[in-house]
Amino acid sequence: MNTMFLDSFQLIAAVYLFYAVIHDTGTLYRFPGIPKEKEAEVHRHLRIAYLLCGITALLDAGVSMLQNSMFSVEYTETEKVITQNFTIRWLPNLQYGTLSAFSLGFSILMIAILVWVFFYIRRMTRG
């Protein structure tokens, strides 16, 4: 299945997250209810989380794009046929399933970081 749109979206999201990390401003840092004395600590933790999310999104997009260009998938009535279009000289045993596992792992990691951000902000806004 071609996921070019989703991969492109992940690249755009990664660039936006890196921009937010570099500039330390914007809507990703605006949460009403955070006490003034905790704002610097919250910003520091959010910058780290956004940096990790940006790296993870970039890696996930790269792995997915590599998988989509390196392998072709065709569905017949009874099975899924995976054809390898090329190999990478320094990674000759790279398989479709390995790339799928990496992509899934990066996606789970990104979701876990964003869930942590949600609960962290919720805890900080309660006082």
Foldseek 3Di string as FASTA:
>chain_A
DDDVVVLVVLLVLLVVLVVCLVVLDDPLLDDPQFDPVCSVVLSVLSSVLSNLLSVLSNVLSVLSVCLPVQWDWDDDPPDIDIDGPDADPVCRPDDSVVSVVSNVVSVVVNVVSVVVNVVVSVVRNVD
